[in-house]
């Protein structure tokens, strides 16, 4: 069986790009459908009441969240590919 090597930079870039798209789509969903977004978010937290922290608006910290999510996912994608390549050698 041939072992596949992941390109760390390519994988990191793809991870960051997908994160950027998902972040923008999620922010649009919160802006356009706040109640539905709240219901989905609450279901992801196993029914925990998020009403005390829910603003119903993506404004205010959109850019900080966008930048940190994209950078964080780029680092995670690079680390994943690097570790994958190390484990695949064994």
N, C-alpha and C. Protein backbone atom coordinates (compact mmCIF):
# COMPACT_ATOMS: atom_id res chain seq x y z
N UNK A 1 0.85 -1.17 0.00
CA UNK A 1 0.00 0.00 0.00
C UNK A 1 0.89 1.24 0.00
N UNK A 2 0.56 2.20 -0.84
CA UNK A 2 1.31 3.45 -0.92
C UNK A 2 0.84 4.39 0.17
N UNK A 3 1.83 4.96 0.88
CA UNK A 3 1.48 5.92 1.93
C UNK A 3 1.41 7.31 1.33
N UNK A 4 0.36 8.04 1.69
CA UNK A 4 0.17 9.39 1.19
C UNK A 4 0.79 10.39 2.16
N UNK A 5 1.48 11.37 1.62
CA UNK A 5 2.04 12.44 2.42
C UNK A 5 1.20 13.68 2.19
N UNK A 6 0.82 14.34 3.29
CA UNK A 6 0.06 15.58 3.18
C UNK A 6 1.01 16.76 3.09
N UNK A 7 0.68 17.69 2.23
CA UNK A 7 1.43 18.94 2.15
C UNK A 7 0.93 19.83 3.28
N UNK A 8 1.82 20.11 4.26
CA UNK A 8 1.40 20.86 5.44
C UNK A 8 0.84 22.22 5.09
N UNK A 9 1.52 22.96 4.23
CA UNK A 9 1.08 24.30 3.86
C UNK A 9 -0.25 24.27 3.11
N UNK A 10 -0.39 23.34 2.18
CA UNK A 10 -1.64 23.22 1.43
C UNK A 10 -2.80 22.84 2.32
N UNK A 11 -2.57 21.91 3.24
CA UNK A 11 -3.63 21.49 4.15
C UNK A 11 -4.02 22.63 5.09
N UNK A 12 -3.03 23.35 5.58
CA UNK A 12 -3.29 24.50 6.47
C UNK A 12 -4.07 25.58 5.74
N UNK A 13 -3.69 25.88 4.50
CA UNK A 13 -4.40 26.90 3.72
C UNK A 13 -5.84 26.49 3.44
N UNK A 14 -6.04 25.22 3.09
CA UNK A 14 -7.40 24.73 2.82
C UNK A 14 -8.25 24.79 4.09
N UNK A 15 -7.68 24.40 5.22
CA UNK A 15 -8.40 24.45 6.50
C UNK A 15 -8.80 25.88 6.85
N UNK A 16 -7.89 26.81 6.67
CA UNK A 16 -8.18 28.21 6.97
C UNK A 16 -9.24 28.77 6.03
N UNK A 17 -9.17 28.42 4.75
CA UNK A 17 -10.15 28.93 3.78
C UNK A 17 -11.55 28.41 4.10
N UNK A 18 -11.67 27.13 4.42
CA UNK A 18 -12.97 26.57 4.77
C UNK A 18 -13.50 27.23 6.04
N UNK A 19 -12.64 27.45 7.01
CA UNK A 19 -13.05 28.11 8.25
C UNK A 19 -13.57 29.52 7.98
N UNK A 20 -12.89 30.24 7.09
CA UNK A 20 -13.32 31.61 6.74
C UNK A 20 -14.72 31.59 6.15
N UNK A 21 -14.97 30.67 5.24
CA UNK A 21 -16.29 30.58 4.60
C UNK A 21 -17.36 30.21 5.63
N UNK A 22 -17.08 29.21 6.46
CA UNK A 22 -18.06 28.78 7.46
C UNK A 22 -18.33 29.91 8.45
N UNK A 23 -17.30 30.65 8.85
CA UNK A 23 -17.46 31.75 9.80
C UNK A 23 -18.38 32.83 9.22
N UNK A 24 -18.18 33.19 7.96
CA UNK A 24 -19.01 34.22 7.33
C UNK A 24 -20.45 33.72 7.18
N UNK A 25 -20.63 32.48 6.74
CA UNK A 25 -21.98 31.93 6.59
C UNK A 25 -22.69 31.88 7.94
N UNK A 26 -21.98 31.47 8.98
CA UNK A 26 -22.57 31.41 10.32
C UNK A 26 -22.96 32.81 10.80
N UNK A 27 -22.10 33.78 10.58
CA UNK A 27 -22.41 35.16 10.99
C UNK A 27 -23.62 35.69 10.24
N UNK A 28 -23.73 35.37 8.96
CA UNK A 28 -24.91 35.78 8.19
C UNK A 28 -26.17 35.10 8.72
N UNK A 29 -26.05 33.84 9.09
CA UNK A 29 -27.20 33.12 9.63
C UNK A 29 -27.67 33.76 10.93
N UNK A 30 -26.73 34.16 11.78
CA UNK A 30 -27.11 34.82 13.04
C UNK A 30 -27.79 36.16 12.77
N UNK A 31 -27.28 36.90 11.77
CA UNK A 31 -27.86 38.20 11.44
C UNK A 31 -29.25 38.05 10.82
N UNK A 32 -29.44 37.06 9.96
CA UNK A 32 -30.70 36.91 9.24
C UNK A 32 -31.73 36.08 10.00
N UNK A 33 -31.28 35.10 10.75
CA UNK A 33 -32.18 34.18 11.45
C UNK A 33 -31.72 33.99 12.90
N UNK A 34 -31.80 35.05 13.70
CA UNK A 34 -31.25 34.97 15.06
C UNK A 34 -31.88 33.89 15.95
N UNK A 35 -33.20 33.74 15.89
CA UNK A 35 -33.85 32.75 16.76
C UNK A 35 -33.49 31.32 16.35
N UNK A 36 -33.46 31.06 15.05
CA UNK A 36 -33.09 29.73 14.58
C UNK A 36 -31.62 29.44 14.92
N UNK A 37 -30.78 30.46 14.78
CA UNK A 37 -29.36 30.29 15.11
C UNK A 37 -29.18 30.01 16.59
N UNK A 38 -29.96 30.69 17.41
CA UNK A 38 -29.90 30.46 18.86
C UNK A 38 -30.34 29.03 19.18
N UNK A 39 -31.39 28.56 18.53
CA UNK A 39 -31.87 27.20 18.77
C UNK A 39 -30.82 26.17 18.37
N UNK A 40 -30.17 26.38 17.24
CA UNK A 40 -29.12 25.46 16.80
C UNK A 40 -27.95 25.50 17.78
N UNK A 41 -27.52 26.72 18.15
CA UNK A 41 -26.42 26.85 19.09
C UNK A 41 -26.72 26.18 20.43
N UNK A 42 -27.94 26.36 20.90
CA UNK A 42 -28.34 25.75 22.16
C UNK A 42 -28.33 24.23 22.05
N UNK A 43 -28.74 23.70 20.90
CA UNK A 43 -28.73 22.24 20.72
C UNK A 43 -27.31 21.69 20.70
N UNK A 44 -26.36 22.48 20.20
CA UNK A 44 -24.96 22.04 20.19
C UNK A 44 -24.36 21.99 21.59
N UNK A 45 -24.93 22.78 22.51
CA UNK A 45 -24.47 22.78 23.88
C UNK A 45 -25.38 21.94 24.77
N UNK A 46 -25.99 20.90 24.19
CA UNK A 46 -26.80 19.92 24.90
C UNK A 46 -27.94 20.56 25.69
N UNK A 47 -28.54 21.58 25.10
CA UNK A 47 -29.71 22.21 25.71
C UNK A 47 -29.41 23.24 26.77
N UNK A 48 -28.12 23.53 27.00
CA UNK A 48 -27.77 24.54 28.00
C UNK A 48 -28.41 25.87 27.63
N UNK A 49 -28.93 26.58 28.61
CA UNK A 49 -29.58 27.87 28.37
C UNK A 49 -28.52 28.92 28.05
N UNK A 50 -28.48 29.37 26.79
CA UNK A 50 -27.49 30.36 26.38
C UNK A 50 -28.09 31.76 26.28
N UNK A 51 -29.31 31.91 26.77
CA UNK A 51 -29.99 33.20 26.63
C UNK A 51 -29.28 34.33 27.36
N UNK A 52 -28.56 34.04 28.44
CA UNK A 52 -27.86 35.09 29.17
C UNK A 52 -26.65 35.64 28.42
N UNK A 53 -26.11 34.84 27.51
CA UNK A 53 -24.94 35.30 26.76
C UNK A 53 -25.25 35.57 25.28
N UNK A 54 -26.46 35.28 24.87
CA UNK A 54 -26.86 35.44 23.47
C UNK A 54 -27.13 36.90 23.15
N UNK A 55 -26.46 37.43 22.13
CA UNK A 55 -26.71 38.81 21.72
C UNK A 55 -27.62 38.87 20.50
N UNK A 56 -27.67 37.79 19.73
CA UNK A 56 -28.50 37.77 18.54
C UNK A 56 -27.94 38.60 17.40
N UNK A 57 -26.69 38.98 17.51
CA UNK A 57 -26.06 39.81 16.48
C UNK A 57 -24.60 39.44 16.33
N UNK A 58 -24.12 39.29 15.09
CA UNK A 58 -22.71 38.97 14.89
C UNK A 58 -21.81 40.22 14.95
N UNK A 59 -22.42 41.40 15.09
CA UNK A 59 -21.65 42.64 15.08
C UNK A 59 -20.78 42.79 16.32
N UNK A 60 -19.88 43.72 16.27
CA UNK A 60 -19.05 44.04 17.43
C UNK A 60 -17.71 43.34 17.39
N UNK A 61 -17.72 42.03 17.42
CA UNK A 61 -16.46 41.30 17.45
C UNK A 61 -16.28 40.40 16.23
N UNK A 62 -16.97 40.72 15.15
CA UNK A 62 -16.89 39.89 13.95
C UNK A 62 -15.45 39.75 13.46
N UNK A 63 -14.76 40.87 13.30
CA UNK A 63 -13.42 40.81 12.71
C UNK A 63 -12.41 40.12 13.62
N UNK A 64 -12.49 40.37 14.92
CA UNK A 64 -11.59 39.68 15.85
C UNK A 64 -11.85 38.18 15.82
N UNK A 65 -13.11 37.80 15.85
CA UNK A 65 -13.46 36.39 15.78
C UNK A 65 -13.03 35.75 14.47
N UNK A 66 -13.25 36.47 13.37
CA UNK A 66 -12.87 35.96 12.05
C UNK A 66 -11.37 35.71 11.97
N UNK A 67 -10.59 36.71 12.36
CA UNK A 67 -9.12 36.60 12.28
C UNK A 67 -8.60 35.49 13.18
N UNK A 68 -9.07 35.44 14.43
CA UNK A 68 -8.56 34.42 15.34
C UNK A 68 -9.01 33.01 14.94
N UNK A 69 -10.22 32.87 14.41
CA UNK A 69 -10.69 31.55 13.96
C UNK A 69 -9.86 31.06 12.77
N UNK A 70 -9.62 31.96 11.81
CA UNK A 70 -8.86 31.57 10.61
C UNK A 70 -7.41 31.23 10.97
N UNK A 71 -6.79 32.07 11.78
CA UNK A 71 -5.40 31.79 12.18
C UNK A 71 -5.32 30.51 13.01
N UNK A 72 -6.25 30.37 13.94
CA UNK A 72 -6.26 29.16 14.77
C UNK A 72 -6.43 27.90 13.94
N UNK A 73 -7.31 27.96 12.93
CA UNK A 73 -7.51 26.78 12.10
C UNK A 73 -6.34 26.54 11.17
N UNK A 74 -5.68 27.61 10.72
CA UNK A 74 -4.47 27.42 9.90
C UNK A 74 -3.42 26.67 10.71
N UNK A 75 -3.21 27.09 11.95
CA UNK A 75 -2.23 26.42 12.82
C UNK A 75 -2.64 24.98 13.10
N UNK A 76 -3.93 24.77 13.35
CA UNK A 76 -4.42 23.42 13.60
C UNK A 76 -4.26 22.53 12.36
N UNK A 77 -4.58 23.08 11.18
CA UNK A 77 -4.43 22.32 9.94
C UNK A 77 -2.99 21.95 9.67
N UNK A 78 -2.08 22.89 9.89
CA UNK A 78 -0.66 22.61 9.67
C UNK A 78 -0.18 21.54 10.65
N UNK A 79 -0.55 21.67 11.92
CA UNK A 79 -0.14 20.69 12.93
C UNK A 79 -0.72 19.31 12.63
N UNK A 80 -1.96 19.27 12.17
CA UNK A 80 -2.58 17.99 11.82
C UNK A 80 -1.80 17.31 10.69
N UNK A 81 -1.53 18.06 9.63
CA UNK A 81 -0.80 17.47 8.49
C UNK A 81 0.60 17.03 8.91
N UNK A 82 1.27 17.84 9.72
CA UNK A 82 2.62 17.50 10.17
C UNK A 82 2.60 16.22 10.99
N UNK A 83 1.65 16.12 11.94
CA UNK A 83 1.55 14.91 12.76
C UNK A 83 1.14 13.70 11.92
N UNK A 84 0.22 13.91 11.00
CA UNK A 84 -0.20 12.82 10.12
C UNK A 84 1.00 12.24 9.38
N UNK A 85 1.82 13.12 8.81
CA UNK A 85 3.00 12.66 8.07
C UNK A 85 3.97 11.92 8.98
N UNK A 86 4.12 12.34 10.22
CA UNK A 86 5.01 11.66 11.15
C UNK A 86 4.47 10.28 11.51
N UNK A 87 3.17 10.20 11.80
CA UNK A 87 2.58 8.91 12.15
C UNK A 87 2.51 7.97 10.95
N UNK A 88 2.31 8.49 9.76
CA UNK A 88 2.20 7.67 8.56
C UNK A 88 3.53 6.99 8.21
N UNK A 89 4.65 7.53 8.69
CA UNK A 89 5.96 6.93 8.41
C UNK A 89 6.17 5.65 9.17
N UNK A 90 5.43 5.44 10.25
CA UNK A 90 5.64 4.26 11.11
C UNK A 90 4.89 3.07 10.63
